[in-house]
Amino acid sequence: MKLRKLSLLLLAGFVSLNLMAEGYQINSQSSRQVGMGHLGTALRLGSESMLFNPAGLSFMESKIELSFGANAIFSKVKYTNGAFSTESDNPIGTPIFGYVGYKLSDKFFAGVSITNPVGNSLVWPDNWAGAHHVQNISLKAFSVQPTISYKISDQLSIGAGLMVDFGSFAIEKALTRMGALAPIGVMVPTYKPILDMYANVPSVTAKLEGESEIGIGFNAGILYTPNDKLSIGISYRSKVMMEVSSGTASVSYAGPEMQALITGINTMMPGTVPIPPIDGKNFSASLPIPSNLNVGVAYKTSEKLLLSAEIQYVGWSAYENLTIQFGSDAGNLKLLSIRNFKNTAIYRFGGEVYASDKFTWRFGAIYDTTPVDKMYYTPETPGANKFSLTTGMTYKVSNAIAIDAALQGLCGQKIKGYVPETWNPNVNFFGEYKSTALIPSLGLKINF
């Protein structure tokens, strides 16, 4: 019974597959919109409106419009606790987007989009102080959205789309704390050479990975343009549950000597180094993609300048807790992790300047508030209030082709967070986190 309890504590950190709010949800789904602070709810964006507000698709000017591109996310998180400090070494994230819009008639418009609604990659050093919470994590999700839009009048339109989401994830962590086995070398001197050999690497590591089944949601919106200067938009993207029904777990050791040592210790003193019976076993889990309610307004102050502001309300309370369930072959382990996330708002402001017939310049600012509870604060992708500045441009090569480019700089507020230790829930893993990111974006738009 004691061994089972310790195994549950060791694995509890795996339930935090949410990755932490701001790093989990990707709003960079158009190079044009990256340039002006991810605004779009109150704008007529042509085919790109399928994501930001499906009602805007009705104002697509051409018969067929293609828009596609990608972002590159260069991110880093710094962790500090007293004299100890380290940084993550994250791979470059490359979320993509693509939109195809078609004018069926003067009133009806249709299209399909593919985007990355959520995703994240975070890599901490294997031997950092929090390796027993996370070493690396990867999440990829795609959303395919067929959409239809109807223009009720020249001032009012509506639209809706069906979101078909799917993806995969992987998370890896140490099952023992760095240096936690050192006292055994004092008690059993013959083990000391092996422990010294692997003193700077985790003794045992576990990895959970899986692919989700298809999740279904919807995206709907309304766009009202009372005159040539003002437009008001509202859109809503529903929550989508990503169900992993057959994920796999694996356990690996620092080396064969370490595996033999731990096996020998547990034979002599059962439960001294508890390794949960999950190697090669399957599990199920639910990963929610939160709902989003967007309200925006845009105003054209002159022929040269358009300004817009928007509030995005994110339903992060879907992360009240998360559960991973193993089968009978792993003792029916059921792992519950409390997160206590709260719903939050993202505030956006931006605009575009029509410098000439061929060149448009954009600017924007974003303030993204964090939903995390500091007392349940895990380092998968540390959450914090974040501020971003953006800029971008469009160069119109011809009436049919335009190139979009943008750049976003993101700076997270320095934040102190705590999380109960997996080896002793009465002790907290504590630290100060600081996140930064640079996101260039490039897109191409083609009209027929």
Protein backbone atom coordinates (compact mmCIF):
# COMPACT_ATOMS: atom_id res chain seq x y z
CA MET A 1 0.00 0.00 0.00
CA LYS A 2 2.88 2.33 0.87
CA LEU A 3 4.61 1.54 -2.43
CA ARG A 4 1.40 2.27 -4.35
CA LYS A 5 1.05 5.64 -2.60
CA LEU A 6 4.65 6.59 -3.39
CA SER A 7 4.18 5.55 -7.01
CA LEU A 8 1.16 7.81 -7.28
CA LEU A 9 3.15 10.72 -5.87
CA LEU A 10 5.96 10.13 -8.35
CA LEU A 11 3.57 10.15 -11.25
CA ALA A 12 1.30 12.98 -10.14
CA GLY A 13 3.30 15.58 -12.04
CA PHE A 14 2.49 13.87 -15.34
CA VAL A 15 -1.14 14.93 -15.09
CA SER A 16 -0.18 18.55 -15.74
CA LEU A 17 -0.35 18.07 -19.50
CA ASN A 18 -2.02 21.45 -19.90
CA LEU A 19 1.41 23.10 -20.32
CA MET A 20 0.29 26.37 -18.78
CA ALA A 21 -2.12 28.60 -20.54
CA GLU A 22 -0.35 31.27 -22.56
CA GLY A 23 2.23 28.84 -23.95
CA TYR A 24 -0.43 26.29 -24.82
CA GLN A 25 -2.83 28.33 -26.96
CA ILE A 26 -1.49 29.74 -30.23
CA ASN A 27 -3.10 32.94 -31.50
CA SER A 28 -0.56 33.53 -34.29
CA GLN A 29 -2.69 32.25 -37.15
CA SER A 30 -2.06 34.91 -39.80
CA SER A 31 1.00 36.99 -40.63
CA ARG A 32 -1.20 40.02 -41.21
CA GLN A 33 -2.79 39.64 -37.80
CA VAL A 34 0.50 38.98 -35.99
CA GLY A 35 1.57 42.39 -37.26
CA MET A 36 -1.37 44.17 -35.63
CA GLY A 37 -1.58 42.37 -32.29
CA HIS A 38 -3.60 39.30 -33.42
CA LEU A 39 -6.67 41.47 -34.01
CA GLY A 40 -9.36 40.24 -36.39
CA THR A 41 -12.82 39.93 -34.83
CA ALA A 42 -14.05 43.29 -36.15
CA LEU A 43 -12.11 43.24 -39.43
CA ARG A 44 -12.87 42.08 -42.95
CA LEU A 45 -9.98 39.70 -43.51
CA GLY A 46 -11.24 37.71 -46.46
CA SER A 47 -10.44 34.00 -46.20
CA GLU A 48 -8.52 34.51 -42.93
CA SER A 49 -11.75 35.56 -41.23
CA MET A 50 -12.64 31.87 -40.98
CA LEU A 51 -10.61 31.70 -37.77
CA PHE A 52 -10.95 35.22 -36.33
CA ASN A 53 -14.65 35.73 -37.14
CA PRO A 54 -16.37 33.50 -39.73
CA ALA A 55 -18.84 36.29 -40.50
CA GLY A 56 -16.04 38.28 -42.12
CA LEU A 57 -15.69 35.69 -44.88
CA SER A 58 -18.77 37.24 -46.52
CA PHE A 59 -16.75 40.32 -47.43
CA MET A 60 -14.15 38.45 -49.45
CA GLU A 61 -13.70 40.51 -52.62
CA SER A 62 -12.43 37.91 -55.08
CA LYS A 63 -13.97 34.68 -56.33
CA ILE A 64 -11.26 32.52 -54.73
CA GLU A 65 -8.73 33.53 -52.11
CA LEU A 66 -5.79 31.52 -50.79
CA SER A 67 -3.78 32.53 -47.75
CA PHE A 68 -1.09 30.43 -46.12
CA GLY A 69 2.11 30.80 -44.14
CA ALA A 70 4.01 29.91 -40.98
CA ASN A 71 5.49 31.34 -37.82
CA ALA A 72 8.79 30.60 -36.11
CA ILE A 73 8.64 30.74 -32.31
CA PHE A 74 11.98 31.34 -30.56
CA SER A 75 11.20 31.00 -26.86
CA LYS A 76 13.13 30.70 -23.63
CA VAL A 77 12.30 30.32 -19.94
CA LYS A 78 14.76 31.18 -17.17
CA TYR A 79 14.42 29.53 -13.75
CA THR A 80 16.09 30.90 -10.61
CA ASN A 81 16.11 29.67 -7.04
CA GLY A 82 18.73 31.31 -4.85
CA ALA A 83 22.16 30.69 -6.36
CA PHE A 84 20.83 28.11 -8.84
CA SER A 85 19.79 29.35 -12.27
CA THR A 86 19.15 27.62 -15.58
CA GLU A 87 17.44 28.23 -18.92
CA SER A 88 15.35 26.05 -21.19
CA ASP A 89 16.74 25.11 -24.61
CA ASN A 90 13.55 25.01 -26.63
CA PRO A 91 13.38 23.89 -30.25
CA ILE A 92 11.97 26.39 -32.73
CA GLY A 93 8.18 26.13 -32.89
CA THR A 94 6.72 26.31 -36.40
CA PRO A 95 2.92 26.68 -36.27
CA ILE A 96 1.32 26.83 -39.71
CA PHE A 97 -1.88 28.29 -41.13
CA GLY A 98 -3.77 27.95 -44.39
CA TYR A 99 -7.09 29.31 -45.68
CA VAL A 100 -9.05 28.72 -48.87
CA GLY A 101 -12.15 30.86 -49.40
CA TYR A 102 -14.72 30.64 -52.22
CA LYS A 103 -17.52 32.98 -53.26
CA LEU A 104 -20.58 30.82 -53.94
CA SER A 105 -22.86 33.77 -54.71
CA ASP A 106 -23.32 37.40 -53.76
CA LYS A 107 -24.71 36.26 -50.40
CA PHE A 108 -23.08 32.91 -49.64
CA PHE A 109 -19.38 32.24 -49.08
CA ALA A 110 -17.60 29.05 -48.03
CA GLY A 111 -14.11 27.87 -47.26
CA VAL A 112 -11.84 25.63 -45.25
CA SER A 113 -8.90 26.40 -42.98
CA ILE A 114 -6.14 24.47 -41.23
CA THR A 115 -4.42 25.95 -38.19
CA ASN A 116 -2.48 25.00 -35.05
CA PRO A 117 -4.81 26.11 -32.23
CA VAL A 118 -2.48 24.86 -29.51
CA GLY A 119 1.09 23.65 -29.34
CA ASN A 120 4.28 23.90 -27.38
CA SER A 121 7.82 22.58 -27.07
CA LEU A 122 9.87 23.04 -23.94
CA VAL A 123 13.22 21.42 -23.13
CA TRP A 124 14.89 21.82 -19.75
CA PRO A 125 18.41 20.44 -19.04
CA ASP A 126 18.15 16.75 -18.12
CA ASN A 127 19.85 17.34 -14.78
CA TRP A 128 18.25 20.62 -13.72
CA ALA A 129 16.75 21.02 -10.23
CA GLY A 130 13.22 20.37 -11.46
CA ALA A 131 13.96 17.32 -13.64
CA HIS A 132 11.62 15.27 -11.45
CA HIS A 133 8.80 17.62 -12.52
CA VAL A 134 9.64 17.86 -16.23
CA GLN A 135 12.61 17.45 -18.56
CA ASN A 136 10.92 18.09 -21.88
CA ILE A 137 7.44 18.34 -23.27
CA SER A 138 5.92 18.56 -26.72
CA LEU A 139 2.36 19.20 -27.83
CA LYS A 140 1.03 19.52 -31.36
CA ALA A 141 -2.59 20.04 -32.37
CA PHE A 142 -4.23 20.77 -35.72
CA SER A 143 -7.68 22.11 -36.49
CA VAL A 144 -9.45 21.71 -39.82
CA GLN A 145 -12.45 24.03 -40.12
CA PRO A 146 -14.97 23.95 -43.00
CA THR A 147 -16.85 27.26 -42.85
CA ILE A 148 -19.87 28.97 -44.38
CA SER A 149 -20.82 32.63 -44.19
CA TYR A 150 -23.95 34.56 -45.19
CA LYS A 151 -24.14 38.27 -46.00
CA ILE A 152 -27.52 39.43 -44.70
CA SER A 153 -26.88 42.95 -46.02
CA ASP A 154 -23.96 45.18 -46.90
CA GLN A 155 -23.74 46.03 -43.19
CA LEU A 156 -24.42 42.70 -41.49
CA SER A 157 -23.11 39.16 -41.92
CA ILE A 158 -22.98 35.90 -39.98
CA GLY A 159 -20.82 32.83 -40.22
CA ALA A 160 -20.05 29.48 -38.61
CA GLY A 161 -17.52 26.69 -38.93
CA LEU A 162 -17.07 23.12 -37.72
CA MET A 163 -13.75 22.58 -35.91
CA VAL A 164 -12.21 19.14 -36.36
CA ASP A 165 -9.19 18.92 -34.03
CA PHE A 166 -6.52 16.26 -33.59
CA GLY A 167 -2.96 16.09 -32.28
CA SER A 168 -0.29 14.41 -30.19
CA PHE A 169 1.78 15.00 -27.08
CA ALA A 170 4.85 13.68 -25.25
CA ILE A 171 6.22 14.50 -21.81
CA GLU A 172 9.36 13.21 -20.10
CA LYS A 173 10.51 13.54 -16.48
CA ALA A 174 12.82 11.94 -13.95
CA LEU A 175 11.27 9.57 -11.41
CA THR A 176 13.92 10.34 -8.81
CA ARG A 177 15.30 13.69 -7.70
CA MET A 178 18.87 14.58 -8.56
CA GLY A 179 21.09 13.28 -5.74
CA ALA A 180 18.20 11.58 -3.93
CA LEU A 181 19.97 8.18 -4.04
CA ALA A 182 23.28 9.49 -2.68
CA PRO A 183 22.52 8.46 0.96
CA ILE A 184 22.22 4.85 -0.22
CA GLY A 185 25.91 4.99 -1.22
CA VAL A 186 26.75 5.85 2.37
CA MET A 187 24.66 2.99 3.76
CA VAL A 188 25.87 0.48 1.13
CA PRO A 189 29.44 1.47 0.11
CA THR A 190 29.54 -1.04 -2.78
CA TYR A 191 26.85 1.01 -4.51
CA LYS A 192 28.78 4.29 -4.26
CA PRO A 193 30.90 3.89 -7.45
CA ILE A 194 27.75 3.36 -9.53
CA LEU A 195 25.98 6.30 -7.90
CA ASP A 196 29.04 8.50 -8.51
CA MET A 197 29.15 7.37 -12.15
CA TYR A 198 25.61 8.63 -12.72
CA ALA A 199 25.65 11.52 -10.23
CA ASN A 200 24.92 14.16 -12.91
CA VAL A 201 22.07 12.42 -14.75
CA PRO A 202 18.61 11.29 -13.64
CA SER A 203 18.67 7.71 -12.37
CA VAL A 204 15.26 6.77 -13.84
CA THR A 205 13.20 8.57 -16.46
CA ALA A 206 9.63 8.05 -17.57
CA LYS A 207 7.97 9.17 -20.78
CA LEU A 208 4.28 9.44 -21.60
CA GLU A 209 3.13 9.98 -25.18
CA GLY A 210 0.00 9.55 -27.23
CA GLU A 211 -2.18 10.70 -30.07
CA SER A 212 -5.63 12.12 -29.55
CA GLU A 213 -8.83 11.02 -31.14
CA ILE A 214 -10.69 13.58 -33.25
CA GLY A 215 -12.36 16.30 -31.19
CA ILE A 216 -15.29 18.34 -32.53
CA GLY A 217 -16.22 21.95 -31.80
CA PHE A 218 -17.62 25.01 -33.56
CA ASN A 219 -16.67 28.59 -34.37
CA ALA A 220 -19.37 31.21 -35.00
CA GLY A 221 -19.53 34.97 -35.35
CA ILE A 222 -21.37 38.10 -36.38
CA LEU A 223 -19.98 41.24 -38.02
CA TYR A 224 -21.82 44.56 -38.14
CA THR A 225 -20.57 47.51 -40.19
CA PRO A 226 -23.02 50.43 -39.78
CA ASN A 227 -20.94 52.74 -41.99
CA ASP A 228 -17.69 52.93 -43.93
CA LYS A 229 -15.70 53.83 -40.82
CA LEU A 230 -16.97 51.63 -37.99
CA SER A 231 -17.25 47.86 -37.62
CA ILE A 232 -18.14 45.69 -34.62
CA GLY A 233 -17.59 41.95 -34.35
CA ILE A 234 -18.31 39.10 -31.94
CA SER A 235 -17.05 35.54 -32.34
CA TYR A 236 -16.99 32.39 -30.24
CA ARG A 237 -14.86 29.25 -30.48
CA SER A 238 -16.12 26.39 -28.36
CA LYS A 239 -14.10 24.17 -26.05
CA VAL A 240 -12.83 20.99 -27.67
CA MET A 241 -11.89 17.89 -25.69
CA MET A 242 -8.87 16.03 -26.99
CA GLU A 243 -9.26 12.44 -25.82
CA VAL A 244 -6.18 10.21 -25.60
CA SER A 245 -7.58 6.70 -25.25
CA SER A 246 -4.42 4.65 -25.77
CA GLY A 247 -1.32 6.57 -24.74
CA THR A 248 1.85 4.64 -23.91
CA ALA A 249 4.27 4.94 -21.01
CA SER A 250 7.90 3.86 -20.90
CA VAL A 251 10.58 3.80 -18.20
CA SER A 252 14.32 4.02 -18.87
CA TYR A 253 17.38 3.95 -16.60
CA ALA A 254 20.60 5.96 -16.72
CA GLY A 255 22.42 2.72 -17.54
CA PRO A 256 22.30 -1.06 -16.94
CA GLU A 257 24.36 -0.65 -13.75
CA MET A 258 21.80 1.79 -12.36
CA GLN A 259 18.92 -0.51 -13.28
CA ALA A 260 20.62 -3.44 -11.50
CA LEU A 261 21.34 -1.23 -8.48
CA ILE A 262 17.74 -0.04 -8.12
CA THR A 263 16.42 -3.57 -8.64
CA GLY A 264 18.77 -4.83 -5.95
CA ILE A 265 17.80 -2.06 -3.51
CA ASN A 266 14.09 -2.76 -3.98
CA THR A 267 14.69 -6.49 -3.51
CA MET A 268 16.46 -5.95 -0.20
CA MET A 269 14.33 -3.02 0.98
CA PRO A 270 11.01 -3.01 -0.90
CA GLY A 271 9.70 0.47 -1.71
CA THR A 272 12.99 2.29 -1.06
CA VAL A 273 13.14 3.50 -4.67
CA PRO A 274 9.53 3.11 -5.86
CA ILE A 275 9.20 2.71 -9.62
CA PRO A 276 5.52 2.66 -10.68
CA PRO A 277 4.56 -0.35 -12.83
CA ILE A 278 3.88 1.67 -15.99
CA ASP A 279 6.63 0.56 -18.37
CA GLY A 280 5.00 -0.46 -21.65
CA LYS A 281 1.52 0.17 -20.25
CA ASN A 282 -1.35 2.17 -21.77
CA PHE A 283 -3.27 5.06 -20.28
CA SER A 284 -6.13 7.41 -21.13
CA ALA A 285 -6.41 11.17 -20.58
CA SER A 286 -8.46 14.18 -21.63
CA LEU A 287 -6.80 17.38 -22.82
CA PRO A 288 -9.19 20.31 -23.25
CA ILE A 289 -8.65 23.16 -25.70
CA PRO A 290 -10.37 26.12 -24.00
CA SER A 291 -13.25 28.16 -25.38
CA ASN A 292 -12.68 31.72 -26.63
CA LEU A 293 -15.13 34.62 -26.75
CA ASN A 294 -13.90 37.61 -28.78
CA VAL A 295 -15.42 41.09 -28.91
CA GLY A 296 -13.81 43.70 -31.13
CA VAL A 297 -14.31 47.13 -32.67
CA ALA A 298 -12.49 48.78 -35.58
CA TYR A 299 -12.58 52.38 -36.73
CA LYS A 300 -11.11 53.94 -39.85
CA THR A 301 -9.97 57.37 -38.72
CA SER A 302 -8.97 58.39 -42.25
CA GLU A 303 -8.21 56.97 -45.65
CA LYS A 304 -4.71 56.16 -44.38
CA LEU A 305 -5.31 54.75 -40.88
CA LEU A 306 -7.40 51.94 -39.35
CA LEU A 307 -7.44 51.31 -35.59
CA SER A 308 -8.90 48.32 -33.75
CA ALA A 309 -9.27 47.05 -30.19
CA GLU A 310 -10.37 43.66 -28.91
CA ILE A 311 -10.93 41.58 -25.79
CA GLN A 312 -10.50 37.81 -25.90
CA TYR A 313 -12.07 35.94 -22.98
CA VAL A 314 -10.46 32.50 -22.58
CA GLY A 315 -12.26 29.69 -20.74
CA TRP A 316 -9.26 28.30 -18.87
CA SER A 317 -11.45 27.05 -16.01
CA ALA A 318 -11.65 23.84 -18.05
CA TYR A 319 -8.37 23.05 -16.27
CA GLU A 320 -9.77 22.71 -12.76
CA ASN A 321 -8.05 19.33 -12.63
CA LEU A 322 -6.76 16.67 -14.99
CA THR A 323 -6.74 12.89 -14.76
CA ILE A 324 -4.65 10.08 -16.22
CA GLN A 325 -6.07 6.57 -15.95
CA PHE A 326 -3.98 3.41 -16.33
CA GLY A 327 -5.46 -0.05 -16.85
CA SER A 328 -5.54 -3.13 -14.61
CA ASP A 329 -2.10 -4.21 -15.85
CA ALA A 330 -0.69 -1.12 -14.10
CA GLY A 331 -2.77 -1.52 -10.97
CA ASN A 332 -5.54 0.77 -12.23
CA LEU A 333 -3.50 3.81 -11.25
CA LYS A 334 -5.68 6.91 -11.41
CA LEU A 335 -3.77 10.16 -11.18
CA LEU A 336 -5.60 13.37 -10.29
CA SER A 337 -3.82 16.71 -10.38
CA ILE A 338 -5.32 19.97 -9.15
CA ARG A 339 -4.71 23.08 -11.26
CA ASN A 340 -7.41 25.59 -10.21
CA PHE A 341 -7.08 27.57 -13.45
CA LYS A 342 -9.31 30.61 -13.81
CA ASN A 343 -10.82 32.24 -16.87
CA THR A 344 -8.76 35.12 -18.20
CA ALA A 345 -8.78 37.96 -20.72
CA ILE A 346 -6.38 39.02 -23.45
CA TYR A 347 -6.39 42.71 -24.38
CA ARG A 348 -5.34 43.80 -27.85
CA PHE A 349 -4.85 47.09 -29.65
CA GLY A 350 -3.42 47.76 -33.09
CA GLY A 351 -3.82 49.29 -36.47
CA GLU A 352 -2.63 49.51 -40.02
CA VAL A 353 -1.37 52.41 -42.10
CA TYR A 354 -2.04 52.41 -45.84
CA ALA A 355 1.22 53.97 -46.94
CA SER A 356 0.64 53.42 -50.68
CA ASP A 357 -1.23 51.22 -53.13
CA LYS A 358 1.43 48.55 -52.66
CA PHE A 359 2.57 48.94 -49.06
CA THR A 360 0.69 48.62 -45.74
CA TRP A 361 2.38 48.94 -42.34
CA ARG A 362 0.96 47.47 -39.10
CA PHE A 363 1.53 47.78 -35.37
CA GLY A 364 -0.01 46.28 -32.26
CA ALA A 365 0.20 45.57 -28.54
CA ILE A 366 -1.07 42.61 -26.47
CA TYR A 367 -1.53 42.09 -22.74
CA ASP A 368 -2.19 38.43 -21.92
CA THR A 369 -3.19 37.62 -18.33
CA THR A 370 -2.31 34.28 -16.75
CA PRO A 371 -4.88 31.81 -15.37
CA VAL A 372 -2.45 29.81 -13.22
CA ASP A 373 -2.69 29.30 -9.48
CA LYS A 374 0.74 30.12 -8.00
CA MET A 375 0.29 27.38 -5.40
CA TYR A 376 -0.06 24.72 -8.15
CA TYR A 377 2.63 26.08 -10.44
CA THR A 378 4.43 23.52 -12.60
CA PRO A 379 7.35 24.33 -14.93
CA GLU A 380 6.09 22.68 -18.15
CA THR A 381 5.59 26.17 -19.61
CA PRO A 382 5.45 28.60 -16.74
CA GLY A 383 2.49 30.96 -16.93
CA ALA A 384 2.75 34.69 -16.27
CA ASN A 385 1.14 37.90 -17.38
CA LYS A 386 2.74 38.65 -20.73
CA PHE A 387 3.15 41.84 -22.78
CA SER A 388 3.84 41.84 -26.51
CA LEU A 389 4.62 44.44 -29.14
CA THR A 390 4.08 43.59 -32.80
CA THR A 391 4.80 45.09 -36.18
CA GLY A 392 4.35 43.98 -39.75
CA MET A 393 3.78 44.87 -43.35
CA THR A 394 2.12 43.78 -46.58
CA TYR A 395 3.67 44.25 -49.98
CA LYS A 396 1.24 43.93 -52.86
CA VAL A 397 3.19 42.35 -55.70
CA SER A 398 0.18 42.61 -58.03
CA ASN A 399 -3.59 42.70 -57.83
CA ALA A 400 -3.50 38.93 -57.35
CA ILE A 401 -0.52 38.40 -55.03
CA ALA A 402 0.47 39.92 -51.69
CA ILE A 403 3.29 39.06 -49.27
CA ASP A 404 2.80 39.49 -45.51
CA ALA A 405 5.58 39.67 -42.94
CA ALA A 406 5.40 40.34 -39.21
CA LEU A 407 7.35 40.20 -35.97
CA GLN A 408 6.19 39.81 -32.36
CA GLY A 409 8.33 40.33 -29.28
CA LEU A 410 6.96 38.83 -26.05
CA CYS A 411 8.08 39.45 -22.48
CA GLY A 412 6.62 37.61 -19.50
CA GLN A 413 6.38 39.11 -16.06
CA LYS A 414 8.85 37.60 -13.58
CA ILE A 415 6.80 35.34 -11.33
CA LYS A 416 7.35 33.17 -8.24
CA GLY A 417 5.56 29.84 -8.22
CA TYR A 418 5.15 26.82 -5.97
CA VAL A 419 4.09 23.24 -6.62
CA PRO A 420 3.81 20.35 -4.10
CA GLU A 421 6.73 17.97 -4.49
CA THR A 422 5.94 14.56 -5.95
CA TRP A 423 8.06 12.86 -3.26
CA ASN A 424 6.47 14.82 -0.40
CA PRO A 425 3.33 16.92 -0.97
CA ASN A 426 4.08 18.82 2.24
CA VAL A 427 7.19 20.31 0.59
CA ASN A 428 7.01 22.79 -2.29
CA PHE A 429 9.20 23.03 -5.38
CA PHE A 430 9.81 26.76 -5.53
CA GLY A 431 11.37 29.10 -8.05
CA GLU A 432 11.22 32.33 -10.00
CA TYR A 433 10.43 32.15 -13.72
CA LYS A 434 10.95 34.60 -16.56
CA SER A 435 9.80 33.84 -20.13
CA THR A 436 10.59 35.62 -23.40
CA ALA A 437 9.84 34.90 -27.06
CA LEU A 438 10.45 36.29 -30.52
CA ILE A 439 7.99 35.30 -33.26
CA PRO A 440 8.63 36.17 -36.93
CA SER A 441 5.86 35.32 -39.38
CA LEU A 442 5.65 35.09 -43.16
CA GLY A 443 2.55 34.63 -45.32
CA LEU A 444 1.37 34.69 -48.92
CA LYS A 445 -2.06 35.66 -50.21
CA ILE A 446 -3.33 34.84 -53.71
CA ASN A 447 -6.62 36.02 -55.27
CA PHE A 448 -8.37 34.64 -58.35
